Protein backbone atom coordinates (compact mmCIF):
# COMPACT_ATOMS: atom_id res chain seq x y z
CA MET A 1 113.66 63.12 52.24
CA THR A 2 116.38 61.90 49.50
CA GLN A 3 115.75 61.17 46.02
CA ALA A 4 118.18 59.10 44.06
CA PHE A 5 119.59 58.71 40.57
CA SER A 6 121.63 55.82 39.37
CA SER A 7 122.71 54.63 36.43
CA GLU A 8 126.02 52.13 36.10
CA LEU A 9 127.98 55.08 35.97
CA LEU A 10 126.89 57.63 38.68
CA SER A 11 124.43 57.31 41.43
CA VAL A 12 122.88 61.23 41.98
CA ASN A 13 121.27 61.84 45.11
CA LEU A 14 118.71 64.98 45.65
CA ILE A 15 117.96 66.70 49.05
CA ALA A 16 115.90 69.31 49.22
CA GLN A 17 116.84 71.83 52.94
CA ARG A 18 113.52 73.02 53.22
CA LEU A 19 110.24 70.84 52.52
CA PRO A 20 107.34 71.82 51.79
CA GLU A 21 105.02 71.03 54.84
CA ALA A 22 102.07 68.96 52.59
CA ASP A 23 103.27 67.57 49.27
CA PRO A 24 101.13 69.37 46.74
CA ASP A 25 100.74 66.56 43.76
CA THR A 26 98.65 64.71 46.75
CA PHE A 27 95.91 67.11 46.15
CA PRO A 28 93.37 67.01 43.67
CA LEU A 29 93.73 70.19 41.56
CA GLN A 30 97.51 69.48 40.91
CA SER A 31 97.23 66.36 38.31
CA ARG A 32 97.65 69.01 35.91
CA ARG A 33 101.27 68.65 36.67
CA ALA A 34 101.42 64.78 35.75
CA GLU A 35 104.85 65.37 33.68
CA TYR A 36 106.71 65.52 37.08
CA ALA A 37 106.75 62.05 38.98
CA ALA A 38 105.15 62.48 42.23
CA GLU A 39 108.28 60.52 43.43
CA ASN A 40 110.38 63.80 42.18
CA GLN A 41 112.33 65.39 45.22
CA SER A 42 110.42 69.30 46.49
CA LEU A 43 111.70 71.91 47.38
CA LEU A 44 109.78 74.92 49.58
CA LEU A 45 110.57 78.56 48.13
CA VAL A 46 109.92 81.30 50.71
CA PRO A 47 109.72 84.98 49.13
CA GLY A 48 112.97 86.70 50.35
CA GLU A 49 114.27 83.64 51.90
CA PRO A 50 117.34 81.22 50.66
CA SER A 51 116.57 77.30 50.09
CA GLU A 52 118.95 74.48 49.04
CA MET A 53 119.11 71.80 47.18
CA LEU A 54 122.09 69.04 48.06
CA VAL A 55 123.34 67.20 45.33
CA LYS A 56 125.00 64.02 46.44
CA LEU A 57 127.27 62.21 43.28
CA GLU A 58 128.94 59.03 43.55
CA ASN A 59 131.45 57.41 40.68
CA LEU A 60 129.78 54.01 40.29
CA GLY A 61 132.07 52.73 37.55
CA THR A 62 135.78 51.78 37.05
CA LEU A 63 137.17 54.79 35.10
CA SER A 64 137.93 58.79 36.32
CA LEU A 65 134.94 61.13 35.54
CA GLU A 66 135.95 64.87 35.22
CA LEU A 67 131.75 66.05 35.96
CA SER A 68 129.85 69.35 34.67
CA LEU A 69 125.97 70.30 35.89
CA GLU A 70 123.26 71.53 33.65
CA LEU A 71 120.19 73.10 35.28
CA THR A 72 116.73 73.91 33.14
CA GLY A 73 113.45 74.06 33.68
CA ASP A 74 109.89 76.07 33.44
CA PHE A 75 111.28 78.88 35.76
CA PRO A 76 113.19 81.87 35.77
CA LEU A 77 117.12 80.50 36.37
CA ASP A 78 118.65 83.66 38.14
CA TRP A 79 116.50 82.02 41.25
CA CYS A 80 118.62 79.47 41.14
CA ARG A 81 122.69 79.51 42.04
CA ILE A 82 124.64 76.34 41.41
CA ASP A 83 127.60 75.14 43.05
CA SER A 84 130.47 74.91 40.27
CA ILE A 85 132.41 71.83 39.75
CA GLU A 86 133.75 72.05 36.61
CA GLY A 87 137.21 70.67 36.53
CA ASN A 88 136.54 68.29 38.98
CA ILE A 89 137.72 64.77 38.44
CA LEU A 90 135.82 62.20 40.90
CA SER A 91 138.07 58.91 40.84
CA PRO A 92 135.97 55.11 41.01
CA GLY A 93 134.05 55.03 43.90
CA GLU A 94 134.41 58.39 45.45
CA ARG A 95 131.76 61.17 46.00
CA LEU A 96 131.13 64.44 45.50
CA GLU A 97 128.31 67.39 46.71
CA ALA A 98 127.30 70.36 45.08
CA VAL A 99 124.34 73.09 46.34
CA LEU A 100 121.92 74.56 44.05
CA TYR A 101 121.31 77.93 45.90
CA PHE A 102 117.88 79.40 45.49
CA GLN A 103 115.87 82.44 46.55
CA ILE A 104 112.89 84.06 44.61
CA SER A 105 112.34 88.20 45.39
CA ALA A 106 110.61 88.70 48.93
CA THR A 107 107.68 91.48 47.31
CA PHE A 108 107.03 88.29 44.43
CA PHE A 109 103.37 87.87 45.05
CA GLU A 110 103.18 91.91 44.68
CA SER A 111 105.19 92.07 41.25
CA PRO A 112 103.44 93.49 38.23
CA SER A 113 103.00 89.66 37.22
CA ALA A 114 101.42 88.75 39.92
CA LEU A 115 99.33 91.08 40.16
CA SER A 116 98.01 90.93 35.89
CA ALA A 117 94.65 90.88 35.85
CA GLY A 118 93.05 88.41 33.77
CA GLN A 119 96.27 86.19 34.35
CA VAL A 120 96.75 83.13 37.29
CA LEU A 121 99.55 84.10 39.11
CA LYS A 122 102.02 80.14 38.14
CA LEU A 123 103.35 78.69 41.94
CA ASP A 124 104.18 75.60 40.80
CA TYR A 125 107.37 75.17 39.02
CA GLY A 126 109.27 71.69 37.41
CA GLY A 127 113.57 71.81 36.79
CA ARG A 128 115.30 69.00 35.38
CA LEU A 129 119.37 68.55 36.40
CA ALA A 130 121.30 67.18 33.96
CA VAL A 131 124.62 65.64 34.80
CA TYR A 132 127.83 65.25 32.21
CA GLY A 133 130.66 63.72 33.03
CA SER A 134 133.19 61.98 30.04
CA GLN A 135 136.46 60.50 30.57
CA PRO A 136 139.91 63.36 31.27
CA GLY A 137 140.19 64.82 27.13
CA THR A 138 136.95 63.13 25.78
CA VAL A 139 133.71 64.46 25.18
CA PRO A 140 131.59 65.20 27.63
CA GLN A 141 128.04 62.55 27.56
CA LEU A 142 124.83 63.08 29.59
CA LEU A 143 124.96 59.92 32.27
CA GLU A 144 122.36 60.99 34.88
CA VAL A 145 119.20 63.56 34.98
CA ALA A 146 117.13 64.81 37.74
CA ASN A 147 113.97 66.11 37.89
CA PHE A 148 112.37 67.66 41.25
CA ASN A 149 109.68 70.04 41.73
CA LEU A 150 109.81 73.47 43.25
CA TYR A 151 106.92 75.12 45.27
CA VAL A 152 106.59 78.71 46.00
CA ARG A 153 104.64 79.62 48.51
CA PRO A 154 104.17 82.30 51.35
CA VAL A 155 104.65 80.36 55.10
CA THR A 156 101.34 81.30 57.57
CA ARG A 157 101.67 80.11 60.76
CA TYR A 158 98.13 79.50 61.18
CA LEU A 159 98.12 75.72 60.12
CA GLU A 160 100.01 75.74 63.48
CA PHE A 161 96.41 76.04 65.13
CA LEU A 162 95.24 73.22 62.69
CA PRO A 163 94.71 69.29 63.72
CA GLN A 164 97.90 67.34 62.00
CA ILE A 165 95.77 66.07 59.30
CA TYR A 166 94.74 69.75 58.03
CA ARG A 167 98.01 70.82 57.96
CA GLU A 168 98.48 67.77 55.01
CA ILE A 169 96.13 69.81 52.62
CA ASP A 170 98.73 72.47 50.95
CA PHE A 171 95.50 73.95 49.80
CA LEU A 172 94.52 75.20 53.26
CA GLY A 173 97.61 76.71 53.91
CA ARG A 174 97.36 78.94 50.77
CA PHE A 175 94.05 79.96 51.38
CA LEU A 176 94.76 80.67 56.02
CA GLN A 177 97.82 82.71 54.33
CA ILE A 178 94.93 84.84 53.01
CA PHE A 179 93.86 85.77 56.45
CA GLU A 180 96.98 86.10 57.83
CA ALA A 181 98.19 88.00 55.53
CA THR A 182 94.91 90.91 56.46
CA PHE A 183 94.49 90.38 59.62
CA GLU A 184 98.56 89.87 60.93
CA PRO A 185 99.56 93.85 60.99
CA ASP A 186 96.47 94.24 63.51
CA VAL A 187 97.75 90.83 65.60
CA GLN A 188 101.69 92.90 65.54
CA ILE A 189 99.54 96.56 66.44
CA LEU A 190 98.01 95.18 69.30
CA ALA A 191 101.49 92.84 70.51
CA ASN A 192 102.83 96.24 70.42
CA LEU A 193 101.11 98.48 71.59
CA TRP A 194 102.76 99.39 74.21
CA ALA A 195 105.61 100.90 71.40
CA TYR A 196 102.95 102.97 70.26
CA LEU A 197 101.78 104.21 73.90
CA ASP A 198 105.13 105.81 74.27
CA PRO A 199 106.73 108.66 73.06
CA LEU A 200 110.21 107.42 72.67
CA THR A 201 108.99 104.48 70.54
CA ALA A 202 105.68 105.57 69.13
CA PRO A 203 105.33 106.12 64.99
CA LYS A 204 106.01 109.81 64.20
CA GLY A 205 101.91 109.76 63.31
CA MET A 206 101.23 109.06 67.00
CA LEU A 207 103.27 112.23 68.96
CA GLU A 208 100.76 114.74 68.45
CA PHE A 209 97.53 112.61 69.68
CA LEU A 210 100.14 111.14 72.57
CA ALA A 211 100.87 115.01 73.14
CA TYR A 212 97.00 115.79 73.37
CA TRP A 213 96.45 112.74 76.00
CA MET A 214 99.01 114.89 77.69
CA GLY A 215 98.04 118.07 77.93
CA TRP A 216 101.47 119.19 75.92
CA GLN A 217 102.27 121.88 73.31
CA ILE A 218 104.32 120.46 70.65
CA LEU A 219 107.10 122.96 70.35
CA PRO A 220 107.49 123.18 66.08
CA TYR A 221 110.47 124.43 66.42
CA LEU A 222 112.56 121.13 68.43
CA SER A 223 113.97 118.13 66.58
CA LEU A 224 111.54 115.33 67.19
CA ASP A 225 113.73 113.25 69.67
CA ARG A 226 113.42 116.19 72.10
CA GLN A 227 109.67 116.40 71.42
CA ARG A 228 109.66 112.39 72.90
CA ASN A 229 111.57 113.48 75.73
CA LEU A 230 109.44 116.16 76.51
CA ILE A 231 105.88 114.92 76.24
CA ARG A 232 107.67 111.23 77.59
CA ASN A 233 108.35 113.69 80.97
CA ALA A 234 105.42 115.72 80.44
CA LEU A 235 103.85 114.43 84.03
CA ASP A 236 106.96 115.70 85.31
CA ILE A 237 107.41 118.83 84.43
CA TYR A 238 103.75 119.24 85.15
CA ARG A 239 104.05 118.22 88.98
CA TRP A 240 107.35 120.36 89.88
CA ARG A 241 105.96 123.67 87.79
CA GLY A 242 106.81 126.57 89.69
CA THR A 243 110.20 124.99 91.47
CA ARG A 244 113.40 125.01 90.35
CA GLN A 245 113.58 121.13 90.34
CA GLY A 246 110.50 121.56 87.62
CA LEU A 247 112.29 125.11 85.66
CA ARG A 248 116.16 123.06 85.69
CA LEU A 249 114.42 119.64 84.42
CA TYR A 250 112.69 121.13 81.96
CA LEU A 251 115.47 123.63 80.20
CA HIS A 252 117.38 119.76 80.65
CA LEU A 253 114.93 118.58 78.39
CA ALA A 254 114.58 121.01 75.46
CA THR A 255 118.29 122.10 75.68
CA HIS A 256 120.32 118.77 76.51
CA LEU A 257 122.31 120.38 79.02
CA PRO A 258 123.42 118.38 81.81
CA LEU A 259 121.12 118.33 85.44
CA ASP A 260 124.68 117.52 87.12
CA GLU A 261 122.65 115.97 89.80
CA HIS A 262 125.11 115.11 91.88
CA GLN A 263 125.98 119.19 92.74
CA PRO A 264 123.45 121.23 94.63
CA SER A 265 121.26 123.97 92.11
CA GLU A 266 123.76 126.54 94.00
CA ASP A 267 127.09 124.89 92.20
CA ASN A 268 125.42 123.37 88.88
CA LYS A 269 128.10 123.37 86.23
CA HIS A 270 125.29 123.40 83.38
CA ILE A 271 121.84 124.88 84.92
CA GLY A 272 122.15 127.10 87.64
CA ILE A 273 119.20 128.63 88.98
CA TYR A 274 120.33 131.32 92.17
CA GLU A 275 117.05 133.18 94.46
CA PHE A 276 117.73 136.20 96.16
CA PHE A 277 114.84 136.82 98.30
CA SER A 278 115.74 138.58 101.42
CA GLN A 279 113.72 139.17 104.99
CA GLY A 280 112.68 143.09 103.30
CA LEU A 281 111.63 146.31 105.98
CA VAL A 282 110.53 145.07 108.90
CA LEU A 283 110.03 147.89 111.01
CA GLY A 284 111.74 147.34 114.75
CA GLU A 285 114.14 144.74 113.57
CA THR A 286 116.17 146.22 110.08
CA ARG A 287 119.19 148.90 109.93
CA LEU A 288 119.01 151.23 107.24
CA ASP A 289 122.36 150.54 105.30
CA VAL A 290 123.14 147.12 107.48
CA ASP A 291 120.82 145.04 106.93
CA ALA A 292 118.80 146.70 104.29
CA VAL A 293 119.12 149.34 101.65
CA LEU A 294 116.92 152.20 99.77
CA GLY A 295 116.68 151.37 96.41
CA GLY A 296 117.83 148.68 94.04
CA VAL A 297 116.29 145.58 94.99
CA ARG A 298 113.72 142.92 93.54
CA PRO A 299 112.04 141.24 95.42
CA PHE A 300 110.71 137.45 94.08
CA HIS A 301 113.67 137.81 91.82
CA PHE A 302 116.32 134.93 90.25
CA THR A 303 118.72 134.17 87.64
CA VAL A 304 119.28 131.11 85.29
CA CYS A 305 122.78 130.81 84.18
CA LEU A 306 122.94 128.87 81.39
CA ARG A 307 126.66 127.03 80.70
CA PRO A 308 126.52 125.21 77.82
CA GLU A 309 129.91 123.26 75.95
CA PRO A 310 131.63 125.87 73.10
CA GLU A 311 130.68 123.17 70.66
CA HIS A 312 126.46 123.15 72.33
CA PHE A 313 124.53 126.20 71.05
CA VAL A 314 121.49 127.10 73.36
CA ASP A 315 118.82 128.76 71.91
CA GLU A 316 118.17 131.94 74.22
CA GLN A 317 114.22 132.75 73.02
CA LEU A 318 113.57 129.11 73.59
CA ALA A 319 114.89 128.93 76.60
CA ARG A 320 113.33 132.59 77.61
CA THR A 321 110.05 130.87 76.34
CA ILE A 322 110.49 128.08 79.20
CA ILE A 323 111.14 130.17 81.97
CA GLU A 324 108.19 132.41 81.28
CA GLN A 325 105.34 129.51 81.40
CA GLU A 326 106.76 127.78 84.15
CA LYS A 327 108.14 130.78 87.08
CA PRO A 328 105.65 131.72 88.88
CA ALA A 329 103.60 134.85 87.90
CA PHE A 330 104.95 137.46 90.75
CA CYS A 331 108.71 136.18 89.88
CA THR A 332 111.11 138.34 87.83
CA TYR A 333 114.57 136.71 86.86
CA ASP A 334 117.68 137.40 84.62
CA LEU A 335 119.25 135.07 82.06
CA LEU A 336 122.67 134.51 81.73
CA ILE A 337 123.92 132.24 79.13
CA ALA A 338 127.94 131.73 79.41
CA ALA A 339 130.44 129.52 77.96
CA GLY A 340 130.78 126.40 80.04
């Protein structure tokens, strides 16, 4: 929509880059805005989002004009930033463009003035753009005036579900915004429910619930990222509990030491688990001092060797707690933490 104002010397066209979904002046309750003509240009302002109005100027006279713009209205002037055209000289027949940049606070509807009891929130505003011009070296004179309307509205998607005839009623859009503001948070939660059930993306307050759901005990001395990874891999840890693979996985998640999966555990650089199992004393098959010794051997014993990089700290007590929890009850172990 373009609104043109012209005189013998200058033509002014206002072009709103964002129009209201419905024309508020067509609604009966807007009759109080009769001071602004219905044919004025209308611009939609959405809190937190920029809006623009293009100003097109054309010199209709036979003399060059030096132009300047002045903006007034019943809205806070800090809502608008105007392109400066000071010093621009418009020759006869030439055209010039300027832009009015509008933006209001994203918390417009939550501001103290909006929430004050006994006050009616003002949503409709009027503005006036005055264009002054003069020949170079003379006193500027008012050449043309362009009126426009500003309508502050929240954006509602619920109008998309209504027939076109209802979308033309501005009041209905504002009325539906009440329900959208009430229900939309729940709709967004349902649409992203998967993220609430994934320990890596769930809000912090959901982690205790997810841990309880998985039968996992929260370790408060671990960082939040490690807690998330442990809860997410709880089923794998349960599945391999009591095995070398399960112990290595748990130590990897809790200490952030690499698994080095391309290497066998006997040759693992960072998390090595070594077992020392022997046949023991079998009568008729064992030769003393050849393949058997008396004393000094611990059956079902293994050694855990952690080799962190020099800058990587490993909590020994944490590692022992994990090993005690994951190893078979009849096994004994040694823990060795050495520089990588």
